[in-house]
């Protein structure tokens, strides 16, 4: 049977500035701990603490630029680009540019 999500749940995010997380599917909005699908909007100058997720994380940038730091490399993703962070890999996201970043995360 189909499930309609009438609206996402806003989740408070860690970081140096307020980032908006709108979770459509996941532990908070649907009780599903197997997947999380969320829209993210981070302002310019936002920086989160580094983390080592226990899941694969797929990120697609819609607008702006997302800065992604790994232990051995750094990426600046622009609109239309995507990245896969593998389970257990250390990562830190930020949006240092004036336009911030608007992206979708699937975990």
PDB file of N, CA and C in Angstrom:
ATOM      1  N   UNK A   1       0.832  -1.177   0.000  1.00  0.00           N
ATOM      2  CA  UNK A   1       0.000   0.000   0.000  1.00  0.00           C
ATOM      3  C   UNK A   1       0.881   1.246   0.000  1.00  0.00           C
ATOM      4  N   UNK A   2       0.498   2.225  -0.746  1.00  0.00           N
ATOM      5  CA  UNK A   2       1.260   3.474  -0.845  1.00  0.00           C
ATOM      6  C   UNK A   2       1.149   4.284   0.444  1.00  0.00           C
ATOM      7  N   UNK A   3       2.196   5.026   0.742  1.00  0.00           N
ATOM      8  CA  UNK A   3       2.201   5.938   1.891  1.00  0.00           C
ATOM      9  C   UNK A   3       2.503   7.342   1.384  1.00  0.00           C
ATOM     10  N   UNK A   4       1.627   8.267   1.668  1.00  0.00           N
ATOM     11  CA  UNK A   4       1.819   9.661   1.276  1.00  0.00           C
ATOM     12  C   UNK A   4       2.394  10.418   2.468  1.00  0.00           C
ATOM     13  N   UNK A   5       3.458  11.159   2.227  1.00  0.00           N
ATOM     14  CA  UNK A   5       4.033  12.025   3.254  1.00  0.00           C
ATOM     15  C   UNK A   5       3.496  13.424   2.960  1.00  0.00           C
ATOM     16  N   UNK A   6       2.593  13.897   3.793  1.00  0.00           N
ATOM     17  CA  UNK A   6       1.942  15.192   3.554  1.00  0.00           C
ATOM     18  C   UNK A   6       2.876  16.358   3.800  1.00  0.00           C
ATOM     19  N   UNK A   7       3.830  16.176   4.701  1.00  0.00           N
ATOM     20  CA  UNK A   7       4.820  17.223   4.936  1.00  0.00           C
ATOM     21  C   UNK A   7       6.002  16.617   5.686  1.00  0.00           C
ATOM     22  N   UNK A   8       7.178  17.179   5.455  1.00  0.00           N
ATOM     23  CA  UNK A   8       8.351  16.681   6.176  1.00  0.00           C
ATOM     24  C   UNK A   8       8.362  17.212   7.606  1.00  0.00           C
ATOM     25  N   UNK A   9       9.217  16.611   8.425  1.00  0.00           N
ATOM     26  CA  UNK A   9       9.447  17.068   9.794  1.00  0.00           C
ATOM     27  C   UNK A   9      10.751  17.858   9.795  1.00  0.00           C
ATOM     28  N   UNK A  10      10.757  18.997  10.458  1.00  0.00           N
ATOM     29  CA  UNK A  10      11.967  19.801  10.586  1.00  0.00           C
ATOM     30  C   UNK A  10      12.784  19.255  11.757  1.00  0.00           C
ATOM     31  N   UNK A  11      14.063  18.998  11.505  1.00  0.00           N
ATOM     32  CA  UNK A  11      14.962  18.447  12.520  1.00  0.00           C
ATOM     33  C   UNK A  11      16.080  19.450  12.780  1.00  0.00           C
ATOM     34  N   UNK A  12      16.407  19.669  14.032  1.00  0.00           N
ATOM     35  CA  UNK A  12      17.505  20.559  14.399  1.00  0.00           C
ATOM     36  C   UNK A  12      18.830  19.895  14.038  1.00  0.00           C
ATOM     37  N   UNK A  13      19.706  20.669  13.440  1.00  0.00           N
ATOM     38  CA  UNK A  13      20.994  20.146  12.983  1.00  0.00           C
ATOM     39  C   UNK A  13      22.146  20.680  13.817  1.00  0.00           C
ATOM     40  N   UNK A  14      23.199  19.899  13.898  1.00  0.00           N
ATOM     41  CA  UNK A  14      24.426  20.352  14.548  1.00  0.00           C
ATOM     42  C   UNK A  14      25.194  21.238  13.572  1.00  0.00           C
ATOM     43  N   UNK A  15      25.940  22.174  14.106  1.00  0.00           N
ATOM     44  CA  UNK A  15      26.760  23.014  13.244  1.00  0.00           C
ATOM     45  C   UNK A  15      26.891  24.417  13.794  1.00  0.00           C
ATOM     46  N   UNK A  16      27.690  25.215  13.108  1.00  0.00           N
ATOM     47  CA  UNK A  16      27.999  26.560  13.575  1.00  0.00           C
ATOM     48  C   UNK A  16      26.867  27.547  13.341  1.00  0.00           C
ATOM     49  N   UNK A  17      25.982  27.269  12.395  1.00  0.00           N
ATOM     50  CA  UNK A  17      24.820  28.114  12.108  1.00  0.00           C
ATOM     51  C   UNK A  17      23.609  27.207  11.965  1.00  0.00           C
ATOM     52  N   UNK A  18      22.426  27.799  11.914  1.00  0.00           N
ATOM     53  CA  UNK A  18      21.217  26.989  11.798  1.00  0.00           C
ATOM     54  C   UNK A  18      21.056  26.449  10.377  1.00  0.00           C
ATOM     55  N   UNK A  19      20.984  25.144  10.274  1.00  0.00           N
ATOM     56  CA  UNK A  19      20.752  24.451   9.012  1.00  0.00           C
ATOM     57  C   UNK A  19      19.356  23.839   9.093  1.00  0.00           C
ATOM     58  N   UNK A  20      18.633  23.896   7.995  1.00  0.00           N
ATOM     59  CA  UNK A  20      17.279  23.339   7.967  1.00  0.00           C
ATOM     60  C   UNK A  20      17.331  21.929   7.385  1.00  0.00           C
ATOM     61  N   UNK A  21      16.844  20.961   8.153  1.00  0.00           N
ATOM     62  CA  UNK A  21      16.709  19.588   7.675  1.00  0.00           C
ATOM     63  C   UNK A  21      15.223  19.275   7.635  1.00  0.00           C
ATOM     64  N   UNK A  22      14.731  18.918   6.455  1.00  0.00           N
ATOM     65  CA  UNK A  22      13.337  18.505   6.290  1.00  0.00           C
ATOM     66  C   UNK A  22      13.333  17.015   5.964  1.00  0.00           C
ATOM     67  N   UNK A  23      13.020  16.195   6.975  1.00  0.00           N
ATOM     68  CA  UNK A  23      13.019  14.756   6.782  1.00  0.00           C
ATOM     69  C   UNK A  23      11.660  14.294   6.235  1.00  0.00           C
ATOM     70  N   UNK A  24      11.701  13.637   5.077  1.00  0.00           N
ATOM     71  CA  UNK A  24      10.493  13.064   4.491  1.00  0.00           C
ATOM     72  C   UNK A  24      10.300  11.628   4.968  1.00  0.00           C
ATOM     73  N   UNK A  25      11.364  10.843   4.908  1.00  0.00           N
ATOM     74  CA  UNK A  25      11.347   9.461   5.377  1.00  0.00           C
ATOM     75  C   UNK A  25      12.495   9.288   6.354  1.00  0.00           C
ATOM     76  N   UNK A  26      12.248   8.575   7.445  1.00  0.00           N
ATOM     77  CA  UNK A  26      13.307   8.322   8.407  1.00  0.00           C
ATOM     78  C   UNK A  26      12.763   8.094   9.799  1.00  0.00           C
ATOM     79  N   UNK A  27      13.668   7.960  10.734  1.00  0.00           N
ATOM     80  CA  UNK A  27      13.308   7.612  12.108  1.00  0.00           C
ATOM     81  C   UNK A  27      12.355   8.618  12.737  1.00  0.00           C
ATOM     82  N   UNK A  28      12.531   9.902  12.459  1.00  0.00           N
ATOM     83  CA  UNK A  28      11.711  10.923  13.103  1.00  0.00           C
ATOM     84  C   UNK A  28      10.323  11.022  12.459  1.00  0.00           C
ATOM     85  N   UNK A  29      10.257  11.122  11.127  1.00  0.00           N
ATOM     86  CA  UNK A  29       8.963  11.364  10.465  1.00  0.00           C
ATOM     87  C   UNK A  29       8.126  10.112  10.243  1.00  0.00           C
ATOM     88  N   UNK A  30       8.761   9.005   9.914  1.00  0.00           N
ATOM     89  CA  UNK A  30       7.995   7.797   9.582  1.00  0.00           C
ATOM     90  C   UNK A  30       8.313   6.604  10.478  1.00  0.00           C
ATOM     91  N   UNK A  31       9.270   6.761  11.389  1.00  0.00           N
ATOM     92  CA  UNK A  31       9.648   5.662  12.274  1.00  0.00           C
ATOM     93  C   UNK A  31      10.514   4.615  11.602  1.00  0.00           C
ATOM     94  N   UNK A  32      10.930   4.863  10.372  1.00  0.00           N
ATOM     95  CA  UNK A  32      11.734   3.913   9.614  1.00  0.00           C
ATOM     96  C   UNK A  32      13.214   4.168   9.882  1.00  0.00           C
ATOM     97  N   UNK A  33      13.889   3.210  10.484  1.00  0.00           N
ATOM     98  CA  UNK A  33      15.310   3.358  10.779  1.00  0.00           C
ATOM     99  C   UNK A  33      16.194   2.778   9.674  1.00  0.00           C
ATOM    100  N   UNK A  34      15.572   2.232   8.617  1.00  0.00           N
ATOM    101  CA  UNK A  34      16.328   1.640   7.512  1.00  0.00           C
ATOM    102  C   UNK A  34      16.751   2.656   6.458  1.00  0.00           C
ATOM    103  N   UNK A  35      16.040   3.791   6.375  1.00  0.00           N
ATOM    104  CA  UNK A  35      16.351   4.798   5.364  1.00  0.00           C
ATOM    105  C   UNK A  35      15.989   6.176   5.894  1.00  0.00           C
ATOM    106  N   UNK A  36      16.739   7.161   5.437  1.00  0.00           N
ATOM    107  CA  UNK A  36      16.421   8.554   5.712  1.00  0.00           C
ATOM    108  C   UNK A  36      16.546   9.305   4.395  1.00  0.00           C
ATOM    109  N   UNK A  37      15.501  10.046   4.049  1.00  0.00           N
ATOM    110  CA  UNK A  37      15.536  10.906   2.866  1.00  0.00           C
ATOM    111  C   UNK A  37      15.148  12.295   3.334  1.00  0.00           C
ATOM    112  N   UNK A  38      16.071  13.243   3.161  1.00  0.00           N
ATOM    113  CA  UNK A  38      15.849  14.582   3.688  1.00  0.00           C
ATOM    114  C   UNK A  38      16.363  15.650   2.739  1.00  0.00           C
ATOM    115  N   UNK A  39      15.681  16.786   2.772  1.00  0.00           N
ATOM    116  CA  UNK A  39      16.105  17.987   2.057  1.00  0.00           C
ATOM    117  C   UNK A  39      16.876  18.837   3.054  1.00  0.00           C
ATOM    118  N   UNK A  40      18.033  19.331   2.639  1.00  0.00           N
ATOM    119  CA  UNK A  40      18.895  20.120   3.517  1.00  0.00           C
ATOM    120  C   UNK A  40      19.122  21.507   2.913  1.00  0.00           C
ATOM    121  N   UNK A  41      19.096  22.522   3.777  1.00  0.00           N
ATOM    122  CA  UNK A  41      19.465  23.880   3.370  1.00  0.00           C
ATOM    123  C   UNK A  41      20.400  24.428   4.435  1.00  0.00           C
ATOM    124  N   UNK A  42      21.648  24.661   4.028  1.00  0.00           N
ATOM    125  CA  UNK A  42      22.628  25.190   4.968  1.00  0.00           C
ATOM    126  C   UNK A  42      23.055  26.585   4.505  1.00  0.00           C
ATOM    127  N   UNK A  43      23.156  27.522   5.455  1.00  0.00           N
ATOM    128  CA  UNK A  43      23.523  28.890   5.102  1.00  0.00           C
ATOM    129  C   UNK A  43      25.014  29.040   4.858  1.00  0.00           C
ATOM    130  N   UNK A  44      25.402  30.169   4.293  1.00  0.00           N
ATOM    131  CA  UNK A  44      26.829  30.433   4.102  1.00  0.00           C
ATOM    132  C   UNK A  44      27.525  30.452   5.457  1.00  0.00           C
ATOM    133  N   UNK A  45      28.700  29.875   5.516  1.00  0.00           N
ATOM    134  CA  UNK A  45      29.472  29.838   6.745  1.00  0.00           C
ATOM    135  C   UNK A  45      29.113  28.694   7.683  1.00  0.00           C
ATOM    136  N   UNK A  46      28.162  27.823   7.294  1.00  0.00           N
ATOM    137  CA  UNK A  46      27.789  26.694   8.144  1.00  0.00           C
ATOM    138  C   UNK A  46      28.885  25.629   8.092  1.00  0.00           C
ATOM    139  N   UNK A  47      29.184  25.042   9.244  1.00  0.00           N
ATOM    140  CA  UNK A  47      30.178  23.969   9.362  1.00  0.00           C
ATOM    141  C   UNK A  47      29.689  23.010  10.434  1.00  0.00           C
ATOM    142  N   UNK A  48      29.643  21.717  10.099  1.00  0.00           N
ATOM    143  CA  UNK A  48      29.231  20.735  11.099  1.00  0.00           C
ATOM    144  C   UNK A  48      30.456  20.022  11.652  1.00  0.00           C
ATOM    145  N   UNK A  49      30.312  19.399  12.820  1.00  0.00           N
ATOM    146  CA  UNK A  49      31.411  18.588  13.339  1.00  0.00           C
ATOM    147  C   UNK A  49      31.656  17.382  12.428  1.00  0.00           C
ATOM    148  N   UNK A  50      32.875  16.897  12.372  1.00  0.00           N
ATOM    149  CA  UNK A  50      33.163  15.690  11.614  1.00  0.00           C
ATOM    150  C   UNK A  50      32.422  14.501  12.219  1.00  0.00           C
ATOM    151  N   UNK A  51      32.127  13.515  11.383  1.00  0.00           N
ATOM    152  CA  UNK A  51      31.377  12.347  11.849  1.00  0.00           C
ATOM    153  C   UNK A  51      31.814  11.106  11.070  1.00  0.00           C
ATOM    154  N   UNK A  52      31.510   9.952  11.624  1.00  0.00           N
ATOM    155  CA  UNK A  52      31.765   8.680  10.958  1.00  0.00           C
ATOM    156  C   UNK A  52      30.439   7.915  10.946  1.00  0.00           C
ATOM    157  N   UNK A  53      29.611   8.122   9.900  1.00  0.00           N
ATOM    158  CA  UNK A  53      28.290   7.484   9.857  1.00  0.00           C
ATOM    159  C   UNK A  53      28.377   5.964   9.796  1.00  0.00           C
ATOM    160  N   UNK A  54      27.372   5.319  10.366  1.00  0.00           N
ATOM    161  CA  UNK A  54      27.264   3.862  10.328  1.00  0.00           C
ATOM    162  C   UNK A  54      26.360   3.414   9.185  1.00  0.00           C
ATOM    163  N   UNK A  55      26.324   4.213   8.117  1.00  0.00           N
ATOM    164  CA  UNK A  55      25.478   3.942   6.954  1.00  0.00           C
ATOM    165  C   UNK A  55      26.082   4.637   5.742  1.00  0.00           C
ATOM    166  N   UNK A  56      25.730   4.172   4.550  1.00  0.00           N
ATOM    167  CA  UNK A  56      26.113   4.874   3.329  1.00  0.00           C
ATOM    168  C   UNK A  56      25.291   6.152   3.233  1.00  0.00           C
ATOM    169  N   UNK A  57      25.904   7.217   2.712  1.00  0.00           N
ATOM    170  CA  UNK A  57      25.222   8.503   2.614  1.00  0.00           C
ATOM    171  C   UNK A  57      25.369   9.029   1.184  1.00  0.00           C
ATOM    172  N   UNK A  58      24.226   9.177   0.508  1.00  0.00           N
ATOM    173  CA  UNK A  58      24.177   9.673  -0.859  1.00  0.00           C
ATOM    174  C   UNK A  58      23.710  11.120  -0.810  1.00  0.00           C
ATOM    175  N   UNK A  59      24.471  12.031  -1.406  1.00  0.00           N
ATOM    176  CA  UNK A  59      24.138  13.450  -1.365  1.00  0.00           C
ATOM    177  C   UNK A  59      24.111  14.009  -2.776  1.00  0.00           C
ATOM    178  N   UNK A  60      23.014  14.725  -3.098  1.00  0.00           N
ATOM    179  CA  UNK A  60      22.838  15.358  -4.410  1.00  0.00           C
ATOM    180  C   UNK A  60      22.634  16.852  -4.182  1.00  0.00           C
ATOM    181  N   UNK A  61      23.499  17.678  -4.774  1.00  0.00           N
ATOM    182  CA  UNK A  61      23.407  19.133  -4.602  1.00  0.00           C
ATOM    183  C   UNK A  61      22.426  19.707  -5.623  1.00  0.00           C
ATOM    184  N   UNK A  62      21.474  20.481  -5.112  1.00  0.00           N
ATOM    185  CA  UNK A  62      20.454  21.111  -5.962  1.00  0.00           C
ATOM    186  C   UNK A  62      20.890  22.527  -6.360  1.00  0.00           C
ATOM    187  N   UNK A  63      21.301  23.315  -5.357  1.00  0.00           N
ATOM    188  CA  UNK A  63      21.764  24.695  -5.579  1.00  0.00           C
ATOM    189  C   UNK A  63      22.911  24.989  -4.634  1.00  0.00           C
ATOM    190  N   UNK A  64      23.698  25.987  -4.994  1.00  0.00           N
ATOM    191  CA  UNK A  64      24.807  26.399  -4.137  1.00  0.00           C
ATOM    192  C   UNK A  64      25.987  25.463  -4.265  1.00  0.00           C
ATOM    193  N   UNK A  65      26.779  25.414  -3.202  1.00  0.00           N
ATOM    194  CA  UNK A  65      27.986  24.581  -3.203  1.00  0.00           C
ATOM    195  C   UNK A  65      28.173  23.947  -1.829  1.00  0.00           C
ATOM    196  N   UNK A  66      28.449  22.658  -1.830  1.00  0.00           N
ATOM    197  CA  UNK A  66      28.665  21.906  -0.603  1.00  0.00           C
ATOM    198  C   UNK A  66      30.126  21.474  -0.545  1.00  0.00           C
ATOM    199  N   UNK A  67      30.789  21.839   0.537  1.00  0.00           N
ATOM    200  CA  UNK A  67      32.187  21.481   0.762  1.00  0.00           C
ATOM    201  C   UNK A  67      32.206  20.186   1.569  1.00  0.00           C
ATOM    202  N   UNK A  68      32.927  19.180   1.077  1.00  0.00           N
ATOM    203  CA  UNK A  68      32.954  17.864   1.713  1.00  0.00           C
ATOM    204  C   UNK A  68      34.405  17.497   1.999  1.00  0.00           C
ATOM    205  N   UNK A  69      34.714  17.297   3.279  1.00  0.00           N
ATOM    206  CA  UNK A  69      36.063  16.906   3.694  1.00  0.00           C
ATOM    207  C   UNK A  69      36.062  15.453   4.122  1.00  0.00           C
ATOM    208  N   UNK A  70      36.996  14.676   3.584  1.00  0.00           N
ATOM    209  CA  UNK A  70      37.250  13.306   4.016  1.00  0.00           C
ATOM    210  C   UNK A  70      38.649  13.286   4.628  1.00  0.00           C
ATOM    211  N   UNK A  71      39.055  12.178   5.203  1.00  0.00           N
ATOM    212  CA  UNK A  71      40.388  12.114   5.826  1.00  0.00           C
ATOM    213  C   UNK A  71      41.504  12.418   4.838  1.00  0.00           C
ATOM    214  N   UNK A  72      41.344  11.962   3.588  1.00  0.00           N
ATOM    215  CA  UNK A  72      42.427  12.105   2.619  1.00  0.00           C
ATOM    216  C   UNK A  72      42.084  12.912   1.379  1.00  0.00           C
ATOM    217  N   UNK A  73      40.917  13.574   1.360  1.00  0.00           N
ATOM    218  CA  UNK A  73      40.552  14.366   0.190  1.00  0.00           C
ATOM    219  C   UNK A  73      39.475  15.387   0.540  1.00  0.00           C
ATOM    220  N   UNK A  74      39.324  16.365  -0.353  1.00  0.00           N
ATOM    221  CA  UNK A  74      38.358  17.448  -0.184  1.00  0.00           C
ATOM    222  C   UNK A  74      37.646  17.651  -1.509  1.00  0.00           C
ATOM    223  N   UNK A  75      36.324  17.870  -1.455  1.00  0.00           N
ATOM    224  CA  UNK A  75      35.526  18.086  -2.659  1.00  0.00           C
ATOM    225  C   UNK A  75      34.634  19.300  -2.479  1.00  0.00           C
ATOM    226  N   UNK A  76      34.458  20.049  -3.554  1.00  0.00           N
ATOM    227  CA  UNK A  76      33.496  21.146  -3.591  1.00  0.00           C
ATOM    228  C   UNK A  76      32.470  20.793  -4.659  1.00  0.00           C
ATOM    229  N   UNK A  77      31.269  20.417  -4.192  1.00  0.00           N
ATOM    230  CA  UNK A  77      30.217  19.970  -5.098  1.00  0.00           C
ATOM    231  C   UNK A  77      29.287  21.113  -5.450  1.00  0.00           C
ATOM    232  N   UNK A  78      29.015  21.255  -6.730  1.00  0.00           N
ATOM    233  CA  UNK A  78      28.120  22.295  -7.227  1.00  0.00           C
ATOM    234  C   UNK A  78      26.787  21.664  -7.635  1.00  0.00           C
ATOM    235  N   UNK A  79      25.818  22.506  -7.955  1.00  0.00           N
ATOM    236  CA  UNK A  79      24.496  22.046  -8.373  1.00  0.00           C
ATOM    237  C   UNK A  79      24.618  20.999  -9.476  1.00  0.00           C
ATOM    238  N   UNK A  80      23.879  19.907  -9.332  1.00  0.00           N
ATOM    239  CA  UNK A  80      23.902  18.832 -10.314  1.00  0.00           C
ATOM    240  C   UNK A  80      24.934  17.756 -10.036  1.00  0.00           C
ATOM    241  N   UNK A  81      25.780  17.955  -9.035  1.00  0.00           N
ATOM    242  CA  UNK A  81      26.782  16.952  -8.687  1.00  0.00           C
ATOM    243  C   UNK A  81      26.342  16.175  -7.452  1.00  0.00           C
ATOM    244  N   UNK A  82      26.943  15.011  -7.263  1.00  0.00           N
ATOM    245  CA  UNK A  82      26.572  14.147  -6.148  1.00  0.00           C
ATOM    246  C   UNK A  82      27.809  13.429  -5.613  1.00  0.00           C
ATOM    247  N   UNK A  83      27.683  12.914  -4.396  1.00  0.00           N
ATOM    248  CA  UNK A  83      28.773  12.170  -3.778  1.00  0.00           C
ATOM    249  C   UNK A  83      28.190  11.041  -2.931  1.00  0.00           C
ATOM    250  N   UNK A  84      28.919   9.947  -2.871  1.00  0.00           N
ATOM    251  CA  UNK A  84      28.577   8.818  -1.993  1.00  0.00           C
ATOM    252  C   UNK A  84      29.661   8.733  -0.924  1.00  0.00           C
ATOM    253  N   UNK A  85      29.250   8.811   0.326  1.00  0.00           N
ATOM    254  CA  UNK A  85      30.158   8.600   1.452  1.00  0.00           C
ATOM    255  C   UNK A  85      29.843   7.218   2.001  1.00  0.00           C
ATOM    256  N   UNK A  86      30.828   6.352   2.005  1.00  0.00           N
ATOM    257  CA  UNK A  86      30.616   4.977   2.449  1.00  0.00           C
ATOM    258  C   UNK A  86      30.550   4.857   3.960  1.00  0.00           C
ATOM    259  N   UNK A  87      29.789   3.900   4.405  1.00  0.00           N
ATOM    260  CA  UNK A  87      29.649   3.572   5.821  1.00  0.00           C
ATOM    261  C   UNK A  87      31.027   3.495   6.472  1.00  0.00           C
ATOM    262  N   UNK A  88      31.182   4.136   7.639  1.00  0.00           N
ATOM    263  CA  UNK A  88      32.439   4.074   8.372  1.00  0.00           C
ATOM    264  C   UNK A  88      33.495   5.058   7.930  1.00  0.00           C
ATOM    265  N   UNK A  89      33.220   5.870   6.909  1.00  0.00           N
ATOM    266  CA  UNK A  89      34.189   6.848   6.412  1.00  0.00           C
ATOM    267  C   UNK A  89      33.993   8.181   7.138  1.00  0.00           C
ATOM    268  N   UNK A  90      35.076   8.774   7.665  1.00  0.00           N
ATOM    269  CA  UNK A  90      34.976  10.068   8.340  1.00  0.00           C
ATOM    270  C   UNK A  90      34.659  11.145   7.314  1.00  0.00           C
ATOM    271  N   UNK A  91      33.722  12.041   7.657  1.00  0.00           N
ATOM    272  CA  UNK A  91      33.312  13.111   6.747  1.00  0.00           C
ATOM    273  C   UNK A  91      32.905  14.345   7.548  1.00  0.00           C
ATOM    274  N   UNK A  92      33.125  15.509   6.946  1.00  0.00           N
ATOM    275  CA  UNK A  92      32.619  16.767   7.500  1.00  0.00           C
ATOM    276  C   UNK A  92      32.107  17.617   6.342  1.00  0.00           C
ATOM    277  N   UNK A  93      30.869  18.094   6.494  1.00  0.00           N
ATOM    278  CA  UNK A  93      30.231  18.928   5.477  1.00  0.00           C
ATOM    279  C   UNK A  93      30.234  20.380   5.929  1.00  0.00           C
ATOM    280  N   UNK A  94      30.291  21.294   4.945  1.00  0.00           N
ATOM    281  CA  UNK A  94      30.150  22.718   5.234  1.00  0.00           C
ATOM    282  C   UNK A  94      29.667  23.437   3.972  1.00  0.00           C
ATOM    283  N   UNK A  95      29.214  24.649   4.178  1.00  0.00           N
ATOM    284  CA  UNK A  95      28.793  25.477   3.031  1.00  0.00           C
ATOM    285  C   UNK A  95      29.417  26.858   3.192  1.00  0.00           C
ATOM    286  N   UNK A  96      30.685  27.000   2.787  1.00  0.00           N
ATOM    287  CA  UNK A  96      31.424  28.236   3.016  1.00  0.00           C
ATOM    288  C   UNK A  96      31.097  29.375   2.046  1.00  0.00           C
ATOM    289  N   UNK A  97      30.421  29.084   0.955  1.00  0.00           N
ATOM    290  CA  UNK A  97      30.178  30.117  -0.052  1.00  0.00           C
ATOM    291  C   UNK A  97      28.923  30.929   0.249  1.00  0.00           C
ATOM    292  N   UNK A  98      28.846  32.164  -0.263  1.00  0.00           N
ATOM    293  CA  UNK A  98      27.728  33.067   0.054  1.00  0.00           C
ATOM    294  C   UNK A  98      26.338  32.508  -0.236  1.00  0.00           C
ATOM    295  N   UNK A  99      26.203  31.650  -1.241  1.00  0.00           N
ATOM    296  CA  UNK A  99      24.872  31.125  -1.568  1.00  0.00           C
ATOM    297  C   UNK A  99      24.448  29.958  -0.685  1.00  0.00           C
ATOM    298  N   UNK A 100      25.345  29.464   0.190  1.00  0.00           N
ATOM    299  CA  UNK A 100      25.011  28.312   1.018  1.00  0.00           C
ATOM    300  C   UNK A 100      24.884  27.064   0.169  1.00  0.00           C
ATOM    301  N   UNK A 101      24.101  26.097   0.633  1.00  0.00           N
ATOM    302  CA  UNK A 101      23.921  24.848  -0.101  1.00  0.00           C
ATOM    303  C   UNK A 101      22.499  24.313   0.115  1.00  0.00           C
ATOM    304  N   UNK A 102      21.909  23.813  -0.945  1.00  0.00           N
ATOM    305  CA  UNK A 102      20.589  23.164  -0.915  1.00  0.00           C
ATOM    306  C   UNK A 102      20.818  21.799  -1.515  1.00  0.00           C
ATOM    307  N   UNK A 103      20.530  20.746  -0.751  1.00  0.00           N
ATOM    308  CA  UNK A 103      20.826  19.398  -1.231  1.00  0.00           C
ATOM    309  C   UNK A 103      19.883  18.365  -0.641  1.00  0.00           C
ATOM    310  N   UNK A 104      19.905  17.192  -1.241  1.00  0.00           N
ATOM    311  CA  UNK A 104      19.118  16.045  -0.775  1.00  0.00           C
ATOM    312  C   UNK A 104      20.095  15.004  -0.247  1.00  0.00           C
ATOM    313  N   UNK A 105      19.785  14.457   0.927  1.00  0.00           N
ATOM    314  CA  UNK A 105      20.606  13.394   1.506  1.00  0.00           C
ATOM    315  C   UNK A 105      19.755  12.127   1.663  1.00  0.00           C
ATOM    316  N   UNK A 106      20.316  11.020   1.192  1.00  0.00           N
ATOM    317  CA  UNK A 106      19.670   9.716   1.342  1.00  0.00           C
ATOM    318  C   UNK A 106      20.647   8.836   2.102  1.00  0.00           C
ATOM    319  N   UNK A 107      20.195   8.336   3.254  1.00  0.00           N
ATOM    320  CA  UNK A 107      21.062   7.528   4.108  1.00  0.00           C
ATOM    321  C   UNK A 107      20.385   6.202   4.407  1.00  0.00           C
TER     322      UNK A 107
END
